[in-house]
Amino acid sequence: MFLAYLSVTIFALSVAYTLKIGYFLPAFFLLCYMLPFLPLLAAPLGMDVVFWTGERFVYAADSAEVSRMQQIWLSSSVGVILGLMVSRLRVRRSVAKHSQQTVAQHAVSSFAVLGWHRAALIFLVSAGLISLRLSTGSGTENEVVTGYELIVCLMLLLCWTLVIHTANKAYFFITGCLTLTYVWSQVQTGDRDFFLVIIALALRMGAIRSGARGMLAIGALGLILVLAGAVISMVRLDVDLTAAGLFEYMAFNSWNATILPVLLMVEGEANEGGLLYGKTYLDLILSVPPSPIFSLLGIEKPIQADNPALWFFIPGLGGMHVVGVALRNFDLVGVVLQSFLFVLVLAVLERRLREAHNPWKTLLYLCVSGAMMHTIWYGFISIMNTLVFYLFLYFLFSIRFYISTVTPPQREFCAQKGEK
């Protein structure tokens, strides 16, 4: 019965530990992961566990559903502990320092090759995407182009990467105006995708300015975002802004909705059949190509942004907490392994960012940070699309870098040959 208290203690101590050592991205992951499970804390007190308003998702403290959810949360805690332990191991690198420096120099050079005119093109593309959103006045462009909001956020993060690594005041002014305009367009339609940009920038600042003040600043920002999210939800649904209503919307919001499909899964475990044994993860990899390719081939895309997987898609309930994917594929073993890998990968990414600063690592950190919340609460397709966007940019920049370094000598050789 007290498994919930043990789990929340492990998560709380893990958050405190990751913040102390400056691992802000794993700390943010742990907080987002833990939020939907907090209603379970009522069970040891003998109170009903309320996951959502109304009576549909209210369970008795001694119910089988509550017991199963506590097991899932504790399994996640075990994975978190293992991930933190392994992430602290210092493994000697076999790669020579010269090779590391060469890779870092290439990354910086390929990014710096942009020049002001190509930076202007990035700003223009971002402005065009935001202008289109403003012109529709309803956010319907996301229904036409899947992942439209994610693309806008990632383009803004690219702009902020330019600002960070050029310290150009003009770039800062332009990027700030673009970001504020996008926030305004989102607020007008009651959307909250702009949180991705704010969270990514906040975590990046925390990663390079760790300390008590940094922790307090990020904590205060988190509370402001939660409050802002509740207010936006109320405005979007035409609910009166009262103290009681605000408290209810802060207690029951997106993070609660994402655990509801997991609860339905737990309720129907006896009739669900066998485990999927990794099929969802395979479908995720097969869904990496853009949707138009599937349309041209006449093939249905296994996983889409608005339908993360047919086996758990529930209209009106949004996405599913990431723990549901592991549970459906490999049961509690999958829950342990998935949380372990999440913490380990995020901790390594955080450490690598601090050890070697360059634009590409900064952009990768910002992109992963921005996609983390959606990945935990709405499905893996968000992080996959983000990584595809990042790799596409890296490919384009690398081509430009090699052209700029190879072409001048070739022109000089041709010129000398012509003179002879």
Protein backbone atom coordinates (compact mmCIF):
# COMPACT_ATOMS: atom_id res chain seq x y z
CA MET A 1 0.00 0.00 0.00
CA PHE A 2 2.93 2.30 0.69
CA LEU A 3 4.58 1.68 -2.70
CA ALA A 4 3.42 5.12 -3.86
CA TYR A 5 5.30 6.85 -1.03
CA LEU A 6 8.43 4.84 -1.79
CA SER A 7 8.20 5.75 -5.48
CA VAL A 8 7.63 9.45 -4.91
CA THR A 9 10.55 9.50 -2.45
CA ILE A 10 12.85 7.90 -5.01
CA PHE A 11 11.75 10.34 -7.71
CA ALA A 12 12.03 13.36 -5.41
CA LEU A 13 15.53 12.37 -4.26
CA SER A 14 16.51 11.70 -7.89
CA VAL A 15 15.30 15.16 -8.92
CA ALA A 16 17.21 16.77 -6.04
CA TYR A 17 20.34 14.79 -6.94
CA THR A 18 20.21 15.59 -10.66
CA LEU A 19 19.71 19.29 -9.92
CA LYS A 20 22.62 19.26 -7.49
CA ILE A 21 25.03 17.85 -10.07
CA GLY A 22 23.65 20.14 -12.78
CA TYR A 23 21.69 17.56 -14.77
CA PHE A 24 18.69 19.75 -15.56
CA LEU A 25 17.38 17.74 -18.52
CA PRO A 26 17.09 14.45 -16.56
CA ALA A 27 15.52 16.41 -13.68
CA PHE A 28 12.89 17.83 -16.04
CA PHE A 29 12.23 14.36 -17.43
CA LEU A 30 11.70 12.98 -13.92
CA LEU A 31 9.28 15.76 -12.99
CA CYS A 32 7.18 15.32 -16.14
CA TYR A 33 7.23 11.54 -15.75
CA MET A 34 6.12 11.69 -12.11
CA LEU A 35 3.27 14.22 -12.32
CA PRO A 36 0.51 11.87 -13.61
CA PHE A 37 1.24 9.36 -10.83
CA LEU A 38 0.85 11.81 -7.93
CA PRO A 39 -2.86 11.00 -7.30
CA LEU A 40 -1.67 7.59 -6.06
CA LEU A 41 -0.39 9.29 -2.89
CA ALA A 42 -3.98 9.29 -1.61
CA ALA A 43 -4.09 5.47 -1.51
CA PRO A 44 -1.97 4.89 1.64
CA LEU A 45 -4.29 7.30 3.48
CA GLY A 46 -7.27 5.13 2.63
CA MET A 47 -8.74 7.81 0.36
CA ASP A 48 -10.12 7.30 -3.14
CA VAL A 49 -7.59 7.89 -5.89
CA VAL A 50 -8.90 10.52 -8.31
CA PHE A 51 -7.13 10.70 -11.67
CA TRP A 52 -9.72 12.88 -13.42
CA THR A 53 -12.85 14.87 -12.67
CA GLY A 54 -16.12 12.96 -12.52
CA GLU A 55 -16.51 9.35 -11.42
CA ARG A 56 -15.06 7.44 -14.39
CA PHE A 57 -11.44 7.51 -13.22
CA VAL A 58 -11.91 7.35 -9.46
CA TYR A 59 -10.65 4.17 -7.77
CA ALA A 60 -10.81 2.79 -4.25
CA ALA A 61 -7.54 2.77 -2.34
CA ASP A 62 -7.46 -1.06 -2.23
CA SER A 63 -8.55 -1.61 -5.84
CA ALA A 64 -6.57 -3.77 -8.25
CA GLU A 65 -6.07 -0.80 -10.58
CA VAL A 66 -4.42 1.28 -7.88
CA SER A 67 -2.19 -1.62 -6.87
CA ARG A 68 -1.11 -2.15 -10.49
CA MET A 69 -0.39 1.55 -11.03
CA GLN A 70 1.77 1.58 -7.89
CA GLN A 71 3.75 -1.38 -9.26
CA ILE A 72 4.26 0.48 -12.54
CA TRP A 73 5.46 3.60 -10.73
CA LEU A 74 7.86 1.60 -8.52
CA SER A 75 9.25 -0.21 -11.59
CA SER A 76 9.91 3.18 -13.15
CA SER A 77 11.75 4.19 -9.98
CA VAL A 78 14.02 1.15 -10.22
CA GLY A 79 14.92 2.11 -13.79
CA VAL A 80 15.64 5.69 -12.72
CA ILE A 81 18.05 4.55 -9.99
CA LEU A 82 19.89 2.23 -12.37
CA GLY A 83 20.10 4.96 -15.01
CA LEU A 84 21.60 7.47 -12.59
CA MET A 85 24.10 4.91 -11.28
CA VAL A 86 25.34 3.94 -14.73
CA SER A 87 25.43 7.55 -15.94
CA ARG A 88 27.95 8.42 -13.24
CA LEU A 89 30.42 5.78 -14.35
CA ARG A 90 33.47 7.30 -16.00
CA VAL A 91 34.37 5.33 -19.09
CA ARG A 92 37.74 6.03 -20.68
CA ARG A 93 37.52 7.18 -24.23
CA SER A 94 39.66 5.37 -26.76
CA VAL A 95 39.38 8.19 -29.28
CA ALA A 96 42.40 10.52 -29.41
CA LYS A 97 42.00 14.14 -28.39
CA HIS A 98 43.07 15.22 -31.87
CA SER A 99 40.11 13.39 -33.40
CA GLN A 100 37.73 14.95 -30.90
CA GLN A 101 39.06 18.42 -31.70
CA THR A 102 38.72 17.77 -35.42
CA VAL A 103 35.06 16.75 -35.05
CA ALA A 104 34.35 19.77 -32.86
CA GLN A 105 36.08 22.16 -35.29
CA HIS A 106 34.09 20.71 -38.19
CA ALA A 107 30.84 21.21 -36.28
CA VAL A 108 31.66 24.82 -35.47
CA SER A 109 32.98 25.58 -38.95
CA SER A 110 30.01 24.04 -40.75
CA PHE A 111 27.69 26.17 -38.63
CA ALA A 112 29.71 29.36 -38.99
CA VAL A 113 29.78 29.03 -42.78
CA LEU A 114 26.21 30.35 -42.83
CA GLY A 115 27.03 34.04 -43.04
CA TRP A 116 24.54 36.83 -42.46
CA HIS A 117 22.60 36.23 -45.69
CA ARG A 118 21.86 32.59 -44.84
CA ALA A 119 21.02 33.55 -41.27
CA ALA A 120 18.57 36.04 -42.77
CA LEU A 121 17.01 33.18 -44.75
CA ILE A 122 16.49 31.22 -41.51
CA PHE A 123 14.80 34.24 -39.95
CA LEU A 124 12.62 34.73 -43.04
CA VAL A 125 11.49 31.08 -43.03
CA SER A 126 10.64 31.33 -39.34
CA ALA A 127 8.77 34.59 -39.88
CA GLY A 128 6.86 33.07 -42.79
CA LEU A 129 5.74 30.08 -40.71
CA ILE A 130 4.60 32.33 -37.88
CA SER A 131 2.85 34.72 -40.30
CA LEU A 132 0.92 31.81 -41.79
CA ARG A 133 -0.25 30.86 -38.33
CA LEU A 134 -1.32 34.43 -37.62
CA SER A 135 -3.19 34.67 -40.91
CA THR A 136 -5.27 31.56 -40.26
CA GLY A 137 -6.35 32.92 -36.87
CA SER A 138 -7.32 29.46 -35.62
CA GLY A 139 -4.25 27.25 -35.75
CA THR A 140 -5.82 25.07 -38.46
CA GLU A 141 -2.54 24.93 -40.39
CA ASN A 142 -1.47 22.13 -38.02
CA GLU A 143 -4.29 20.01 -39.44
CA VAL A 144 -3.01 20.55 -42.98
CA VAL A 145 0.70 20.05 -42.25
CA THR A 146 1.30 17.38 -39.61
CA GLY A 147 3.66 18.64 -36.93
CA TYR A 148 3.45 22.26 -38.08
CA GLU A 149 3.75 23.66 -34.55
CA LEU A 150 6.77 21.46 -33.85
CA ILE A 151 8.48 22.75 -36.99
CA VAL A 152 7.90 26.36 -35.93
CA CYS A 153 9.31 25.69 -32.46
CA LEU A 154 12.38 23.94 -33.86
CA MET A 155 13.04 26.79 -36.29
CA LEU A 156 12.87 29.23 -33.37
CA LEU A 157 15.36 27.06 -31.47
CA LEU A 158 17.65 27.20 -34.50
CA CYS A 159 17.37 31.00 -34.40
CA TRP A 160 18.24 31.01 -30.69
CA THR A 161 21.26 28.80 -31.41
CA LEU A 162 22.47 31.47 -33.83
CA VAL A 163 22.01 34.06 -31.09
CA ILE A 164 23.89 32.00 -28.50
CA HIS A 165 26.90 31.30 -30.69
CA THR A 166 27.24 34.65 -32.46
CA ALA A 167 26.29 37.05 -29.64
CA ASN A 168 24.86 39.23 -32.40
CA LYS A 169 22.53 41.91 -30.98
CA ALA A 170 20.57 42.16 -34.23
CA TYR A 171 20.02 38.39 -34.24
CA PHE A 172 18.87 38.59 -30.61
CA PHE A 173 16.38 41.35 -31.38
CA ILE A 174 14.95 39.54 -34.42
CA THR A 175 14.71 36.19 -32.64
CA GLY A 176 13.11 37.80 -29.59
CA CYS A 177 10.47 39.48 -31.76
CA LEU A 178 9.76 36.24 -33.62
CA THR A 179 9.37 34.33 -30.36
CA LEU A 180 7.05 36.91 -28.82
CA THR A 181 4.95 36.98 -31.98
CA TYR A 182 4.62 33.21 -31.94
CA VAL A 183 3.65 33.24 -28.27
CA TRP A 184 1.00 35.84 -29.05
CA SER A 185 -0.38 33.77 -31.94
CA GLN A 186 -0.58 30.72 -29.68
CA VAL A 187 -2.33 32.54 -26.86
CA GLN A 188 -4.90 33.87 -29.33
CA THR A 189 -5.92 30.32 -30.25
CA GLY A 190 -5.55 28.87 -26.75
CA ASP A 191 -2.54 26.69 -27.65
CA ARG A 192 0.55 26.04 -25.56
CA ASP A 193 3.17 24.71 -27.97
CA PHE A 194 5.36 27.76 -27.31
CA PHE A 195 6.17 26.15 -23.94
CA LEU A 196 8.61 23.96 -25.89
CA VAL A 197 10.79 26.95 -26.76
CA ILE A 198 10.67 28.46 -23.27
CA ILE A 199 11.46 25.16 -21.56
CA ALA A 200 14.36 24.41 -23.91
CA LEU A 201 15.96 27.81 -23.30
CA ALA A 202 15.42 27.57 -19.54
CA LEU A 203 17.04 24.14 -19.33
CA ARG A 204 19.95 25.30 -21.45
CA MET A 205 20.54 28.25 -19.15
CA GLY A 206 20.35 25.93 -16.17
CA ALA A 207 22.90 23.58 -17.74
CA ILE A 208 25.51 26.33 -18.08
CA ARG A 209 24.60 28.26 -14.93
CA SER A 210 24.00 25.58 -12.35
CA GLY A 211 23.61 26.60 -8.73
CA ALA A 212 21.00 27.50 -6.14
CA ARG A 213 19.85 30.60 -8.01
CA GLY A 214 19.56 28.69 -11.26
CA MET A 215 17.45 26.02 -9.57
CA LEU A 216 15.14 28.58 -7.97
CA ALA A 217 14.76 30.45 -11.25
CA ILE A 218 13.84 27.31 -13.18
CA GLY A 219 11.47 26.23 -10.39
CA ALA A 220 9.72 29.59 -10.47
CA LEU A 221 9.49 29.43 -14.26
CA GLY A 222 7.97 25.96 -14.00
CA LEU A 223 5.26 27.17 -11.65
CA ILE A 224 4.53 30.12 -13.93
CA LEU A 225 4.20 27.80 -16.93
CA VAL A 226 1.83 25.47 -15.06
CA LEU A 227 -0.28 28.45 -14.02
CA ALA A 228 -0.21 29.89 -17.54
CA GLY A 229 -1.18 26.51 -19.00
CA ALA A 230 -4.19 26.29 -16.67
CA VAL A 231 -5.29 29.83 -17.53
CA ILE A 232 -4.95 29.19 -21.27
CA SER A 233 -7.00 25.99 -20.95
CA MET A 234 -9.76 27.86 -19.12
CA VAL A 235 -9.83 30.67 -21.65
CA ARG A 236 -9.91 28.21 -24.55
CA LEU A 237 -12.91 26.42 -23.02
CA ASP A 238 -14.69 29.65 -22.00
CA VAL A 239 -14.49 28.80 -18.29
CA ASP A 240 -14.77 31.60 -15.75
CA LEU A 241 -11.43 32.54 -14.18
CA THR A 242 -12.20 31.88 -10.54
CA ALA A 243 -9.85 30.68 -7.77
CA ALA A 244 -11.71 27.37 -7.45
CA GLY A 245 -11.72 26.84 -11.21
CA LEU A 246 -8.04 27.68 -11.49
CA PHE A 247 -7.17 25.18 -8.74
CA GLU A 248 -9.16 22.45 -10.50
CA TYR A 249 -7.47 23.12 -13.84
CA MET A 250 -4.05 23.05 -12.20
CA ALA A 251 -4.91 19.76 -10.50
CA PHE A 252 -6.40 18.14 -13.63
CA ASN A 253 -4.67 19.08 -16.87
CA SER A 254 -2.79 17.57 -19.80
CA TRP A 255 -0.46 15.49 -17.66
CA ASN A 256 -3.46 13.80 -16.02
CA ALA A 257 -5.18 13.14 -19.34
CA THR A 258 -2.13 11.25 -20.64
CA ILE A 259 -2.33 8.67 -17.83
CA LEU A 260 -5.97 7.85 -18.55
CA PRO A 261 -5.22 5.51 -21.50
CA VAL A 262 -2.78 3.66 -19.22
CA LEU A 263 -5.56 3.23 -16.68
CA LEU A 264 -7.87 1.86 -19.37
CA MET A 265 -5.09 -0.51 -20.38
CA VAL A 266 -4.72 -1.68 -16.78
CA GLU A 267 -8.49 -2.17 -16.48
CA GLY A 268 -8.59 -4.37 -19.57
CA GLU A 269 -5.35 -6.30 -19.09
CA ALA A 270 -7.19 -9.59 -18.70
CA ASN A 271 -8.77 -9.23 -22.16
CA GLU A 272 -5.94 -7.58 -24.10
CA GLY A 273 -4.14 -10.70 -25.25
CA GLY A 274 -0.37 -11.08 -25.44
CA LEU A 275 2.31 -8.43 -25.25
CA LEU A 276 3.50 -6.68 -28.40
CA TYR A 277 7.19 -7.50 -27.74
CA GLY A 278 8.62 -4.38 -29.33
CA LYS A 279 6.22 -3.97 -32.25
CA THR A 280 5.44 -0.37 -31.24
CA TYR A 281 9.13 0.56 -31.24
CA LEU A 282 9.55 -1.05 -34.66
CA ASP A 283 6.52 0.86 -35.96
CA LEU A 284 8.13 4.01 -34.61
CA ILE A 285 11.27 3.44 -36.67
CA LEU A 286 9.22 2.63 -39.77
CA SER A 287 7.28 5.88 -39.28
CA VAL A 288 10.36 8.10 -39.54
CA PRO A 289 9.92 8.87 -43.29
CA PRO A 290 7.62 11.86 -44.02
CA SER A 291 3.91 11.16 -44.40
CA PRO A 292 3.77 12.15 -48.14
CA ILE A 293 6.01 9.17 -48.96
CA PHE A 294 3.46 6.79 -47.43
CA SER A 295 0.67 8.55 -49.33
CA LEU A 296 2.50 8.16 -52.65
CA LEU A 297 3.07 4.46 -52.01
CA GLY A 298 -0.50 3.96 -50.83
CA ILE A 299 0.70 2.59 -47.48
CA GLU A 300 -0.74 3.50 -44.10
CA LYS A 301 1.82 5.07 -41.79
CA PRO A 302 2.18 2.91 -38.66
CA ILE A 303 2.40 5.83 -36.23
CA GLN A 304 1.10 9.35 -36.84
CA ALA A 305 1.30 12.49 -34.75
CA ASP A 306 -2.42 12.45 -33.93
CA ASN A 307 -2.60 8.68 -33.56
CA PRO A 308 0.58 7.44 -31.82
CA ALA A 309 -0.51 3.81 -32.20
CA LEU A 310 -3.89 2.26 -32.99
CA TRP A 311 -3.86 -0.02 -29.96
CA PHE A 312 -4.08 2.85 -27.50
CA PHE A 313 -5.64 5.69 -29.48
CA ILE A 314 -8.61 7.02 -27.52
CA PRO A 315 -10.49 9.99 -29.06
CA GLY A 316 -10.74 12.97 -26.74
CA LEU A 317 -8.04 11.84 -24.32
CA GLY A 318 -4.99 13.21 -26.14
CA GLY A 319 -1.82 11.18 -25.99
CA MET A 320 -0.54 8.44 -23.73
CA HIS A 321 2.11 8.57 -21.03
CA VAL A 322 5.30 6.96 -22.25
CA VAL A 323 5.09 4.28 -19.55
CA GLY A 324 2.09 2.81 -21.37
CA VAL A 325 4.21 1.97 -24.41
CA ALA A 326 6.73 0.02 -22.35
CA LEU A 327 3.98 -1.71 -20.38
CA ARG A 328 2.09 -2.84 -23.50
CA ASN A 329 5.24 -4.17 -25.16
CA PHE A 330 7.27 -5.76 -22.35
CA ASP A 331 5.22 -5.39 -19.15
CA LEU A 332 7.07 -4.23 -16.01
CA VAL A 333 10.45 -5.32 -17.39
CA GLY A 334 9.95 -2.87 -20.23
CA VAL A 335 8.98 -0.13 -17.78
CA VAL A 336 12.27 -0.60 -15.88
CA LEU A 337 14.38 -0.75 -19.04
CA GLN A 338 12.72 2.24 -20.71
CA SER A 339 13.09 4.57 -17.71
CA PHE A 340 16.69 3.38 -17.31
CA LEU A 341 17.53 4.25 -20.92
CA PHE A 342 15.77 7.60 -20.74
CA VAL A 343 17.72 8.74 -17.68
CA LEU A 344 21.02 7.36 -18.97
CA VAL A 345 20.79 8.97 -22.42
CA LEU A 346 19.63 12.33 -21.08
CA ALA A 347 22.38 12.39 -18.44
CA VAL A 348 25.05 11.61 -21.06
CA LEU A 349 23.67 14.34 -23.34
CA GLU A 350 23.81 16.85 -20.50
CA ARG A 351 27.40 15.95 -19.65
CA ARG A 352 28.55 16.10 -23.25
CA LEU A 353 27.06 19.57 -23.64
CA ARG A 354 29.09 20.91 -20.74
CA GLU A 355 32.31 19.19 -21.80
CA ALA A 356 32.45 20.50 -25.36
CA HIS A 357 30.40 23.51 -26.39
CA ASN A 358 29.66 23.89 -30.08
CA PRO A 359 26.58 25.01 -32.00
CA TRP A 360 25.44 21.54 -33.02
CA LYS A 361 25.49 20.21 -29.48
CA THR A 362 23.65 23.30 -28.31
CA LEU A 363 20.99 22.85 -30.99
CA LEU A 364 20.67 19.14 -30.18
CA TYR A 365 20.24 19.93 -26.50
CA LEU A 366 17.61 22.57 -27.23
CA CYS A 367 15.71 20.28 -29.60
CA VAL A 368 15.66 17.34 -27.19
CA SER A 369 14.70 19.63 -24.29
CA GLY A 370 11.86 21.14 -26.29
CA ALA A 371 10.51 17.76 -27.39
CA MET A 372 10.85 16.07 -23.98
CA MET A 373 7.48 17.05 -22.51
CA HIS A 374 5.54 16.00 -25.61
CA THR A 375 7.54 12.77 -25.82
CA ILE A 376 6.65 11.76 -22.27
CA TRP A 377 2.98 12.69 -22.48
CA TYR A 378 2.04 12.27 -26.15
CA GLY A 379 4.29 9.62 -27.66
CA PHE A 380 7.73 8.93 -29.09
CA ILE A 381 6.86 10.31 -32.52
CA SER A 382 7.62 13.81 -31.23
CA ILE A 383 11.26 13.07 -30.40
CA MET A 384 11.68 11.08 -33.61
CA ASN A 385 10.44 13.97 -35.76
CA THR A 386 12.69 16.31 -33.81
CA LEU A 387 15.78 14.18 -34.43
CA VAL A 388 14.92 13.88 -38.14
CA PHE A 389 14.71 17.70 -38.31
CA TYR A 390 18.07 18.00 -36.54
CA LEU A 391 19.82 15.46 -38.79
CA PHE A 392 18.38 17.11 -41.89
CA LEU A 393 19.82 20.46 -40.82
CA TYR A 394 23.17 18.89 -40.00
CA PHE A 395 23.27 17.29 -43.44
CA LEU A 396 22.53 20.60 -45.19
CA PHE A 397 25.09 22.53 -43.16
CA SER A 398 27.75 19.85 -43.67
CA ILE A 399 27.29 19.96 -47.44
CA ARG A 400 27.71 23.73 -47.38
CA PHE A 401 30.84 23.37 -45.23
CA TYR A 402 32.49 20.91 -47.61
CA ILE A 403 31.58 23.00 -50.65
CA SER A 404 33.06 26.10 -49.07
CA THR A 405 36.32 24.30 -48.18
CA VAL A 406 36.76 22.33 -51.42
CA THR A 407 35.61 24.77 -54.09
CA PRO A 408 38.15 27.62 -53.55
CA PRO A 409 41.26 25.40 -54.14
CA GLN A 410 39.64 23.91 -57.21
CA ARG A 411 38.95 27.39 -58.62
CA GLU A 412 42.53 28.42 -57.90
CA PHE A 413 43.85 25.34 -59.72
CA CYS A 414 41.64 26.04 -62.74
CA ALA A 415 42.75 29.67 -62.78
CA GLN A 416 46.44 28.66 -62.73
CA LYS A 417 45.83 26.15 -65.50
CA GLY A 418 44.13 28.82 -67.62
CA GLU A 419 47.09 31.18 -67.17
CA LYS A 420 49.49 28.53 -68.45
